């Protein structure tokens, strides 16, 4: 599915990228970054299509997501200063 088709499916479901990301427990940038690739991962495409179909049949998908309670993923690259990927950085000593 192309990114534009994905957005069309979200619109049919009455969702923005931000709201879809909230429902999925993802960061909105993780979804919108797919725009430069032109495509969307198949699992997100299927979910968006299913939500659009549910919406067209007047099925409220809100209670499903409330029951699932997806947890928010931590953003990547948010390491503490002095750490890289969770490992402490050693001091690099260079000869002068």
PDB file of N, CA and C in Angstrom:
ATOM      1  N   UNK A   1       0.848  -1.171   0.000  1.00  0.00           N
ATOM      2  CA  UNK A   1       0.000   0.000   0.000  1.00  0.00           C
ATOM      3  C   UNK A   1       0.893   1.233   0.000  1.00  0.00           C
ATOM      4  N   UNK A   2       0.545   2.202  -0.815  1.00  0.00           N
ATOM      5  CA  UNK A   2       1.312   3.439  -0.826  1.00  0.00           C
ATOM      6  C   UNK A   2       0.959   4.270   0.406  1.00  0.00           C
ATOM      7  N   UNK A   3       1.814   5.215   0.708  1.00  0.00           N
ATOM      8  CA  UNK A   3       1.559   6.086   1.850  1.00  0.00           C
ATOM      9  C   UNK A   3       0.270   6.879   1.629  1.00  0.00           C
ATOM     10  N   UNK A   4       0.051   7.347   0.399  1.00  0.00           N
ATOM     11  CA  UNK A   4      -1.172   8.117   0.102  1.00  0.00           C
ATOM     12  C   UNK A   4      -2.417   7.255   0.261  1.00  0.00           C
ATOM     13  N   UNK A   5      -2.350   5.982  -0.151  1.00  0.00           N
ATOM     14  CA  UNK A   5      -3.480   5.068   0.049  1.00  0.00           C
ATOM     15  C   UNK A   5      -3.728   4.839   1.538  1.00  0.00           C
ATOM     16  N   UNK A   6      -2.662   4.744   2.294  1.00  0.00           N
ATOM     17  CA  UNK A   6      -2.757   4.579   3.745  1.00  0.00           C
ATOM     18  C   UNK A   6      -3.486   5.765   4.370  1.00  0.00           C
ATOM     19  N   UNK A   7      -3.094   6.970   3.966  1.00  0.00           N
ATOM     20  CA  UNK A   7      -3.749   8.186   4.478  1.00  0.00           C
ATOM     21  C   UNK A   7      -5.225   8.187   4.098  1.00  0.00           C
ATOM     22  N   UNK A   8      -5.546   7.740   2.884  1.00  0.00           N
ATOM     23  CA  UNK A   8      -6.949   7.672   2.457  1.00  0.00           C
ATOM     24  C   UNK A   8      -7.739   6.710   3.344  1.00  0.00           C
ATOM     25  N   UNK A   9      -7.124   5.577   3.698  1.00  0.00           N
ATOM     26  CA  UNK A   9      -7.786   4.616   4.591  1.00  0.00           C
ATOM     27  C   UNK A   9      -8.003   5.225   5.977  1.00  0.00           C
ATOM     28  N   UNK A  10      -7.000   5.936   6.471  1.00  0.00           N
ATOM     29  CA  UNK A  10      -7.161   6.594   7.771  1.00  0.00           C
ATOM     30  C   UNK A  10      -8.295   7.616   7.720  1.00  0.00           C
ATOM     31  N   UNK A  11      -8.373   8.363   6.634  1.00  0.00           N
ATOM     32  CA  UNK A  11      -9.442   9.356   6.483  1.00  0.00           C
ATOM     33  C   UNK A  11     -10.807   8.677   6.486  1.00  0.00           C
ATOM     34  N   UNK A  12     -10.923   7.524   5.814  1.00  0.00           N
ATOM     35  CA  UNK A  12     -12.188   6.781   5.815  1.00  0.00           C
ATOM     36  C   UNK A  12     -12.568   6.354   7.228  1.00  0.00           C
ATOM     37  N   UNK A  13     -11.553   6.042   8.028  1.00  0.00           N
ATOM     38  CA  UNK A  13     -11.789   5.619   9.409  1.00  0.00           C
ATOM     39  C   UNK A  13     -11.997   6.813  10.341  1.00  0.00           C
ATOM     40  N   UNK A  14     -11.803   8.036   9.808  1.00  0.00           N
ATOM     41  CA  UNK A  14     -11.964   9.232  10.626  1.00  0.00           C
ATOM     42  C   UNK A  14     -10.781   9.468  11.553  1.00  0.00           C
ATOM     43  N   UNK A  15      -9.592   9.016  11.128  1.00  0.00           N
ATOM     44  CA  UNK A  15      -8.400   9.117  11.969  1.00  0.00           C
ATOM     45  C   UNK A  15      -7.326   9.972  11.310  1.00  0.00           C
ATOM     46  N   UNK A  16      -6.582  10.660  12.137  1.00  0.00           N
ATOM     47  CA  UNK A  16      -5.372  11.339  11.689  1.00  0.00           C
ATOM     48  C   UNK A  16      -4.198  10.398  11.946  1.00  0.00           C
ATOM     49  N   UNK A  17      -3.041  10.727  11.401  1.00  0.00           N
ATOM     50  CA  UNK A  17      -1.843   9.927  11.669  1.00  0.00           C
ATOM     51  C   UNK A  17      -1.549   9.944  13.160  1.00  0.00           C
ATOM     52  N   UNK A  18      -1.694  11.101  13.786  1.00  0.00           N
ATOM     53  CA  UNK A  18      -1.427  11.221  15.225  1.00  0.00           C
ATOM     54  C   UNK A  18      -2.361  10.323  16.040  1.00  0.00           C
ATOM     55  N   UNK A  19      -3.643  10.322  15.711  1.00  0.00           N
ATOM     56  CA  UNK A  19      -4.608   9.499  16.458  1.00  0.00           C
ATOM     57  C   UNK A  19      -4.353   8.005  16.214  1.00  0.00           C
ATOM     58  N   UNK A  20      -4.045   7.655  14.962  1.00  0.00           N
ATOM     59  CA  UNK A  20      -3.724   6.262  14.641  1.00  0.00           C
ATOM     60  C   UNK A  20      -2.497   5.810  15.433  1.00  0.00           C
ATOM     61  N   UNK A  21      -1.487   6.662  15.479  1.00  0.00           N
ATOM     62  CA  UNK A  21      -0.273   6.338  16.235  1.00  0.00           C
ATOM     63  C   UNK A  21      -0.602   6.154  17.714  1.00  0.00           C
ATOM     64  N   UNK A  22      -1.460   7.011  18.257  1.00  0.00           N
ATOM     65  CA  UNK A  22      -1.869   6.869  19.660  1.00  0.00           C
ATOM     66  C   UNK A  22      -2.552   5.524  19.898  1.00  0.00           C
ATOM     67  N   UNK A  23      -3.448   5.150  18.987  1.00  0.00           N
ATOM     68  CA  UNK A  23      -4.144   3.872  19.131  1.00  0.00           C
ATOM     69  C   UNK A  23      -3.172   2.693  19.079  1.00  0.00           C
ATOM     70  N   UNK A  24      -2.138   2.818  18.246  1.00  0.00           N
ATOM     71  CA  UNK A  24      -1.174   1.740  18.060  1.00  0.00           C
ATOM     72  C   UNK A  24      -0.060   1.761  19.098  1.00  0.00           C
ATOM     73  N   UNK A  25      -0.004   2.799  19.932  1.00  0.00           N
ATOM     74  CA  UNK A  25       1.068   2.913  20.914  1.00  0.00           C
ATOM     75  C   UNK A  25       2.397   3.270  20.271  1.00  0.00           C
ATOM     76  N   UNK A  26       2.325   4.004  19.167  1.00  0.00           N
ATOM     77  CA  UNK A  26       3.527   4.378  18.418  1.00  0.00           C
ATOM     78  C   UNK A  26       3.718   5.892  18.458  1.00  0.00           C
ATOM     79  N   UNK A  27       4.897   6.315  18.054  1.00  0.00           N
ATOM     80  CA  UNK A  27       5.167   7.737  17.867  1.00  0.00           C
ATOM     81  C   UNK A  27       4.653   8.127  16.475  1.00  0.00           C
ATOM     82  N   UNK A  28       3.992   9.267  16.337  1.00  0.00           N
ATOM     83  CA  UNK A  28       3.503   9.691  15.009  1.00  0.00           C
ATOM     84  C   UNK A  28       4.608   9.753  13.958  1.00  0.00           C
ATOM     85  N   UNK A  29       5.807  10.155  14.358  1.00  0.00           N
ATOM     86  CA  UNK A  29       6.912  10.222  13.396  1.00  0.00           C
ATOM     87  C   UNK A  29       7.273   8.848  12.845  1.00  0.00           C
ATOM     88  N   UNK A  30       7.086   7.804  13.635  1.00  0.00           N
ATOM     89  CA  UNK A  30       7.382   6.453  13.170  1.00  0.00           C
ATOM     90  C   UNK A  30       6.493   6.074  11.994  1.00  0.00           C
ATOM     91  N   UNK A  31       5.312   6.640  11.955  1.00  0.00           N
ATOM     92  CA  UNK A  31       4.397   6.362  10.849  1.00  0.00           C
ATOM     93  C   UNK A  31       4.658   7.315   9.691  1.00  0.00           C
ATOM     94  N   UNK A  32       4.749   8.605   9.989  1.00  0.00           N
ATOM     95  CA  UNK A  32       4.912   9.585   8.908  1.00  0.00           C
ATOM     96  C   UNK A  32       6.270   9.478   8.219  1.00  0.00           C
ATOM     97  N   UNK A  33       7.259   8.872   8.870  1.00  0.00           N
ATOM     98  CA  UNK A  33       8.556   8.670   8.226  1.00  0.00           C
ATOM     99  C   UNK A  33       8.460   7.748   7.016  1.00  0.00           C
ATOM    100  N   UNK A  34       7.394   6.955   6.941  1.00  0.00           N
ATOM    101  CA  UNK A  34       7.207   6.061   5.801  1.00  0.00           C
ATOM    102  C   UNK A  34       6.860   6.816   4.526  1.00  0.00           C
ATOM    103  N   UNK A  35       6.518   8.083   4.652  1.00  0.00           N
ATOM    104  CA  UNK A  35       6.153   8.867   3.470  1.00  0.00           C
ATOM    105  C   UNK A  35       7.317   8.945   2.488  1.00  0.00           C
ATOM    106  N   UNK A  36       8.540   9.074   2.998  1.00  0.00           N
ATOM    107  CA  UNK A  36       9.686   9.177   2.089  1.00  0.00           C
ATOM    108  C   UNK A  36       9.963   7.866   1.361  1.00  0.00           C
ATOM    109  N   UNK A  37       9.564   6.733   1.956  1.00  0.00           N
ATOM    110  CA  UNK A  37       9.700   5.440   1.275  1.00  0.00           C
ATOM    111  C   UNK A  37       8.609   5.251   0.232  1.00  0.00           C
ATOM    112  N   UNK A  38       7.494   5.936   0.427  1.00  0.00           N
ATOM    113  CA  UNK A  38       6.359   5.801  -0.475  1.00  0.00           C
ATOM    114  C   UNK A  38       5.414   4.681  -0.091  1.00  0.00           C
ATOM    115  N   UNK A  39       5.872   3.752   0.746  1.00  0.00           N
ATOM    116  CA  UNK A  39       5.036   2.628   1.147  1.00  0.00           C
ATOM    117  C   UNK A  39       4.873   2.564   2.648  1.00  0.00           C
ATOM    118  N   UNK A  40       3.998   1.705   3.061  1.00  0.00           N
ATOM    119  CA  UNK A  40       3.683   1.559   4.482  1.00  0.00           C
ATOM    120  C   UNK A  40       3.875   0.078   4.830  1.00  0.00           C
ATOM    121  N   UNK A  41       4.386  -0.252   6.015  1.00  0.00           N
ATOM    122  CA  UNK A  41       4.507  -1.667   6.394  1.00  0.00           C
ATOM    123  C   UNK A  41       3.144  -2.363   6.347  1.00  0.00           C
ATOM    124  N   UNK A  42       3.161  -3.617   5.951  1.00  0.00           N
ATOM    125  CA  UNK A  42       1.920  -4.356   5.716  1.00  0.00           C
ATOM    126  C   UNK A  42       1.039  -4.428   6.961  1.00  0.00           C
ATOM    127  N   UNK A  43       1.628  -4.558   8.145  1.00  0.00           N
ATOM    128  CA  UNK A  43       0.790  -4.663   9.344  1.00  0.00           C
ATOM    129  C   UNK A  43       0.012  -3.373   9.594  1.00  0.00           C
ATOM    130  N   UNK A  44       0.619  -2.223   9.333  1.00  0.00           N
ATOM    131  CA  UNK A  44      -0.097  -0.962   9.501  1.00  0.00           C
ATOM    132  C   UNK A  44      -1.146  -0.774   8.407  1.00  0.00           C
ATOM    133  N   UNK A  45      -0.818  -1.217   7.188  1.00  0.00           N
ATOM    134  CA  UNK A  45      -1.761  -1.115   6.075  1.00  0.00           C
ATOM    135  C   UNK A  45      -3.011  -1.949   6.347  1.00  0.00           C
ATOM    136  N   UNK A  46      -2.814  -3.157   6.849  1.00  0.00           N
ATOM    137  CA  UNK A  46      -3.953  -4.034   7.144  1.00  0.00           C
ATOM    138  C   UNK A  46      -4.817  -3.431   8.247  1.00  0.00           C
ATOM    139  N   UNK A  47      -4.187  -2.945   9.288  1.00  0.00           N
ATOM    140  CA  UNK A  47      -4.946  -2.361  10.405  1.00  0.00           C
ATOM    141  C   UNK A  47      -5.730  -1.139   9.938  1.00  0.00           C
ATOM    142  N   UNK A  48      -5.105  -0.265   9.155  1.00  0.00           N
ATOM    143  CA  UNK A  48      -5.800   0.926   8.656  1.00  0.00           C
ATOM    144  C   UNK A  48      -6.986   0.534   7.782  1.00  0.00           C
ATOM    145  N   UNK A  49      -6.801  -0.481   6.933  1.00  0.00           N
ATOM    146  CA  UNK A  49      -7.889  -0.944   6.061  1.00  0.00           C
ATOM    147  C   UNK A  49      -9.038  -1.536   6.867  1.00  0.00           C
ATOM    148  N   UNK A  50      -8.696  -2.303   7.891  1.00  0.00           N
ATOM    149  CA  UNK A  50      -9.738  -2.882   8.744  1.00  0.00           C
ATOM    150  C   UNK A  50     -10.506  -1.801   9.504  1.00  0.00           C
ATOM    151  N   UNK A  51      -9.787  -0.807  10.004  1.00  0.00           N
ATOM    152  CA  UNK A  51     -10.460   0.286  10.715  1.00  0.00           C
ATOM    153  C   UNK A  51     -11.361   1.078   9.774  1.00  0.00           C
ATOM    154  N   UNK A  52     -10.912   1.289   8.542  1.00  0.00           N
ATOM    155  CA  UNK A  52     -11.740   1.990   7.555  1.00  0.00           C
ATOM    156  C   UNK A  52     -13.005   1.194   7.251  1.00  0.00           C
ATOM    157  N   UNK A  53     -12.859  -0.116   7.098  1.00  0.00           N
ATOM    158  CA  UNK A  53     -14.018  -0.973   6.826  1.00  0.00           C
ATOM    159  C   UNK A  53     -14.976  -0.984   8.013  1.00  0.00           C
ATOM    160  N   UNK A  54     -14.435  -1.078   9.214  1.00  0.00           N
ATOM    161  CA  UNK A  54     -15.289  -1.043  10.410  1.00  0.00           C
ATOM    162  C   UNK A  54     -16.056   0.267  10.485  1.00  0.00           C
ATOM    163  N   UNK A  55     -15.375   1.357  10.194  1.00  0.00           N
ATOM    164  CA  UNK A  55     -16.018   2.664  10.245  1.00  0.00           C
ATOM    165  C   UNK A  55     -17.134   2.769   9.204  1.00  0.00           C
ATOM    166  N   UNK A  56     -16.887   2.226   8.005  1.00  0.00           N
ATOM    167  CA  UNK A  56     -17.916   2.294   6.955  1.00  0.00           C
ATOM    168  C   UNK A  56     -19.147   1.470   7.314  1.00  0.00           C
ATOM    169  N   UNK A  57     -18.969   0.480   8.189  1.00  0.00           N
ATOM    170  CA  UNK A  57     -20.094  -0.352   8.638  1.00  0.00           C
ATOM    171  C   UNK A  57     -20.625   0.091  10.002  1.00  0.00           C
ATOM    172  N   UNK A  58     -20.203   1.284  10.423  1.00  0.00           N
ATOM    173  CA  UNK A  58     -20.651   1.866  11.692  1.00  0.00           C
ATOM    174  C   UNK A  58     -20.325   0.994  12.901  1.00  0.00           C
ATOM    175  N   UNK A  59     -19.163   0.348  12.861  1.00  0.00           N
ATOM    176  CA  UNK A  59     -18.681  -0.440  13.997  1.00  0.00           C
ATOM    177  C   UNK A  59     -17.692   0.430  14.759  1.00  0.00           C
ATOM    178  N   UNK A  60     -17.973   0.641  16.027  1.00  0.00           N
ATOM    179  CA  UNK A  60     -17.115   1.472  16.865  1.00  0.00           C
ATOM    180  C   UNK A  60     -15.901   0.654  17.314  1.00  0.00           C
ATOM    181  N   UNK A  61     -14.717   1.052  16.838  1.00  0.00           N
ATOM    182  CA  UNK A  61     -13.504   0.316  17.196  1.00  0.00           C
ATOM    183  C   UNK A  61     -12.844   0.859  18.458  1.00  0.00           C
ATOM    184  N   UNK A  62     -13.368   1.939  19.016  1.00  0.00           N
ATOM    185  CA  UNK A  62     -12.805   2.523  20.226  1.00  0.00           C
ATOM    186  C   UNK A  62     -12.728   1.562  21.401  1.00  0.00           C
ATOM    187  N   UNK A  63     -13.824   0.834  21.709  1.00  0.00           N
ATOM    188  CA  UNK A  63     -13.771  -0.099  22.846  1.00  0.00           C
ATOM    189  C   UNK A  63     -12.719  -1.204  22.692  1.00  0.00           C
ATOM    190  N   UNK A  64     -12.427  -1.583  21.458  1.00  0.00           N
ATOM    191  CA  UNK A  64     -11.412  -2.618  21.236  1.00  0.00           C
ATOM    192  C   UNK A  64     -10.056  -2.113  21.704  1.00  0.00           C
ATOM    193  N   UNK A  65      -9.721  -0.880  21.318  1.00  0.00           N
ATOM    194  CA  UNK A  65      -8.431  -0.320  21.709  1.00  0.00           C
ATOM    195  C   UNK A  65      -8.376  -0.013  23.198  1.00  0.00           C
ATOM    196  N   UNK A  66      -9.514   0.336  23.778  1.00  0.00           N
ATOM    197  CA  UNK A  66      -9.546   0.555  25.229  1.00  0.00           C
ATOM    198  C   UNK A  66      -9.262  -0.753  25.964  1.00  0.00           C
ATOM    199  N   UNK A  67      -9.789  -1.839  25.437  1.00  0.00           N
ATOM    200  CA  UNK A  67      -9.583  -3.150  26.050  1.00  0.00           C
ATOM    201  C   UNK A  67      -8.125  -3.602  25.905  1.00  0.00           C
ATOM    202  N   UNK A  68      -7.499  -3.274  24.791  1.00  0.00           N
ATOM    203  CA  UNK A  68      -6.121  -3.682  24.547  1.00  0.00           C
ATOM    204  C   UNK A  68      -5.115  -2.863  25.335  1.00  0.00           C
ATOM    205  N   UNK A  69      -5.433  -1.612  25.600  1.00  0.00           N
ATOM    206  CA  UNK A  69      -4.551  -0.688  26.308  1.00  0.00           C
ATOM    207  C   UNK A  69      -3.110  -0.755  25.796  1.00  0.00           C
ATOM    208  N   UNK A  70      -2.874  -0.374  24.524  1.00  0.00           N
ATOM    209  CA  UNK A  70      -1.492  -0.432  24.022  1.00  0.00           C
ATOM    210  C   UNK A  70      -0.594   0.526  24.800  1.00  0.00           C
ATOM    211  N   UNK A  71       0.603   0.048  25.119  1.00  0.00           N
ATOM    212  CA  UNK A  71       1.537   0.903  25.848  1.00  0.00           C
ATOM    213  C   UNK A  71       2.361   1.705  24.857  1.00  0.00           C
ATOM    214  N   UNK A  72       2.706   2.890  25.234  1.00  0.00           N
ATOM    215  CA  UNK A  72       3.476   3.800  24.388  1.00  0.00           C
ATOM    216  C   UNK A  72       4.921   3.333  24.322  1.00  0.00           C
ATOM    217  N   UNK A  73       5.447   3.214  23.095  1.00  0.00           N
ATOM    218  CA  UNK A  73       6.850   2.843  22.929  1.00  0.00           C
ATOM    219  C   UNK A  73       7.725   4.054  23.188  1.00  0.00           C
ATOM    220  N   UNK A  74       8.918   3.800  23.698  1.00  0.00           N
ATOM    221  CA  UNK A  74       9.855   4.885  23.939  1.00  0.00           C
ATOM    222  C   UNK A  74      10.449   5.333  22.608  1.00  0.00           C
ATOM    223  N   UNK A  75      10.626   6.642  22.429  1.00  0.00           N
ATOM    224  CA  UNK A  75      11.260   7.103  21.195  1.00  0.00           C
ATOM    225  C   UNK A  75      12.699   6.625  21.127  1.00  0.00           C
ATOM    226  N   UNK A  76      13.144   6.313  19.929  1.00  0.00           N
ATOM    227  CA  UNK A  76      14.532   5.905  19.736  1.00  0.00           C
ATOM    228  C   UNK A  76      15.435   7.122  19.830  1.00  0.00           C
ATOM    229  N   UNK A  77      16.668   6.876  20.189  1.00  0.00           N
ATOM    230  CA  UNK A  77      17.640   7.961  20.225  1.00  0.00           C
ATOM    231  C   UNK A  77      17.506   8.859  21.431  1.00  0.00           C
ATOM    232  N   UNK A  78      16.775   8.419  22.421  1.00  0.00           N
ATOM    233  CA  UNK A  78      16.564   9.251  23.599  1.00  0.00           C
ATOM    234  C   UNK A  78      17.453   8.794  24.753  1.00  0.00           C
ATOM    235  N   UNK A  79      18.676   8.426  24.440  1.00  0.00           N
ATOM    236  CA  UNK A  79      19.592   7.973  25.481  1.00  0.00           C
ATOM    237  C   UNK A  79      20.017   9.153  26.355  1.00  0.00           C
ATOM    238  N   UNK A  80      20.408   8.836  27.563  1.00  0.00           N
ATOM    239  CA  UNK A  80      20.890   9.867  28.475  1.00  0.00           C
ATOM    240  C   UNK A  80      22.254  10.348  28.015  1.00  0.00           C
ATOM    241  N   UNK A  81      22.617  11.565  28.341  1.00  0.00           N
ATOM    242  CA  UNK A  81      23.952  12.048  27.978  1.00  0.00           C
ATOM    243  C   UNK A  81      25.031  11.129  28.548  1.00  0.00           C
ATOM    244  N   UNK A  82      26.042  10.845  27.728  1.00  0.00           N
ATOM    245  CA  UNK A  82      27.114   9.965  28.165  1.00  0.00           C
ATOM    246  C   UNK A  82      26.840   8.501  27.909  1.00  0.00           C
ATOM    247  N   UNK A  83      25.697   8.194  27.296  1.00  0.00           N
ATOM    248  CA  UNK A  83      25.362   6.803  27.003  1.00  0.00           C
ATOM    249  C   UNK A  83      25.017   6.682  25.525  1.00  0.00           C
ATOM    250  N   UNK A  84      25.347   5.547  24.968  1.00  0.00           N
ATOM    251  CA  UNK A  84      24.994   5.240  23.592  1.00  0.00           C
ATOM    252  C   UNK A  84      24.304   3.888  23.598  1.00  0.00           C
ATOM    253  N   UNK A  85      23.073   3.852  23.179  1.00  0.00           N
ATOM    254  CA  UNK A  85      22.285   2.610  23.127  1.00  0.00           C
ATOM    255  C   UNK A  85      22.261   1.902  24.479  1.00  0.00           C
ATOM    256  N   UNK A  86      22.253   2.675  25.552  1.00  0.00           N
ATOM    257  CA  UNK A  86      22.148   2.105  26.884  1.00  0.00           C
ATOM    258  C   UNK A  86      23.461   1.696  27.513  1.00  0.00           C
ATOM    259  N   UNK A  87      24.562   1.735  26.740  1.00  0.00           N
ATOM    260  CA  UNK A  87      25.867   1.373  27.283  1.00  0.00           C
ATOM    261  C   UNK A  87      26.638   2.631  27.653  1.00  0.00           C
ATOM    262  N   UNK A  88      27.325   2.609  28.801  1.00  0.00           N
ATOM    263  CA  UNK A  88      28.110   3.784  29.155  1.00  0.00           C
ATOM    264  C   UNK A  88      29.251   3.972  28.164  1.00  0.00           C
ATOM    265  N   UNK A  89      29.492   5.212  27.803  1.00  0.00           N
ATOM    266  CA  UNK A  89      30.600   5.507  26.895  1.00  0.00           C
ATOM    267  C   UNK A  89      31.878   5.660  27.700  1.00  0.00           C
ATOM    268  N   UNK A  90      32.915   5.031  27.199  1.00  0.00           N
ATOM    269  CA  UNK A  90      34.218   5.181  27.833  1.00  0.00           C
ATOM    270  C   UNK A  90      34.871   6.482  27.406  1.00  0.00           C
ATOM    271  N   UNK A  91      35.870   6.880  28.144  1.00  0.00           N
ATOM    272  CA  UNK A  91      36.594   8.111  27.807  1.00  0.00           C
ATOM    273  C   UNK A  91      37.653   7.759  26.767  1.00  0.00           C
ATOM    274  N   UNK A  92      37.623   8.476  25.686  1.00  0.00           N
ATOM    275  CA  UNK A  92      38.577   8.269  24.613  1.00  0.00           C
ATOM    276  C   UNK A  92      39.765   9.185  24.852  1.00  0.00           C
ATOM    277  N   UNK A  93      40.907   8.577  25.121  1.00  0.00           N
ATOM    278  CA  UNK A  93      42.105   9.375  25.384  1.00  0.00           C
ATOM    279  C   UNK A  93      42.945   9.424  24.122  1.00  0.00           C
ATOM    280  N   UNK A  94      43.175  10.620  23.647  1.00  0.00           N
ATOM    281  CA  UNK A  94      43.984  10.809  22.445  1.00  0.00           C
ATOM    282  C   UNK A  94      45.302  11.450  22.826  1.00  0.00           C
ATOM    283  N   UNK A  95      46.355  10.974  22.207  1.00  0.00           N
ATOM    284  CA  UNK A  95      47.662  11.601  22.441  1.00  0.00           C
ATOM    285  C   UNK A  95      47.688  12.950  21.741  1.00  0.00           C
ATOM    286  N   UNK A  96      48.241  13.930  22.434  1.00  0.00           N
ATOM    287  CA  UNK A  96      48.301  15.269  21.843  1.00  0.00           C
ATOM    288  C   UNK A  96      49.610  15.497  21.170  1.00  0.00           C
TER     289      UNK A  96
END
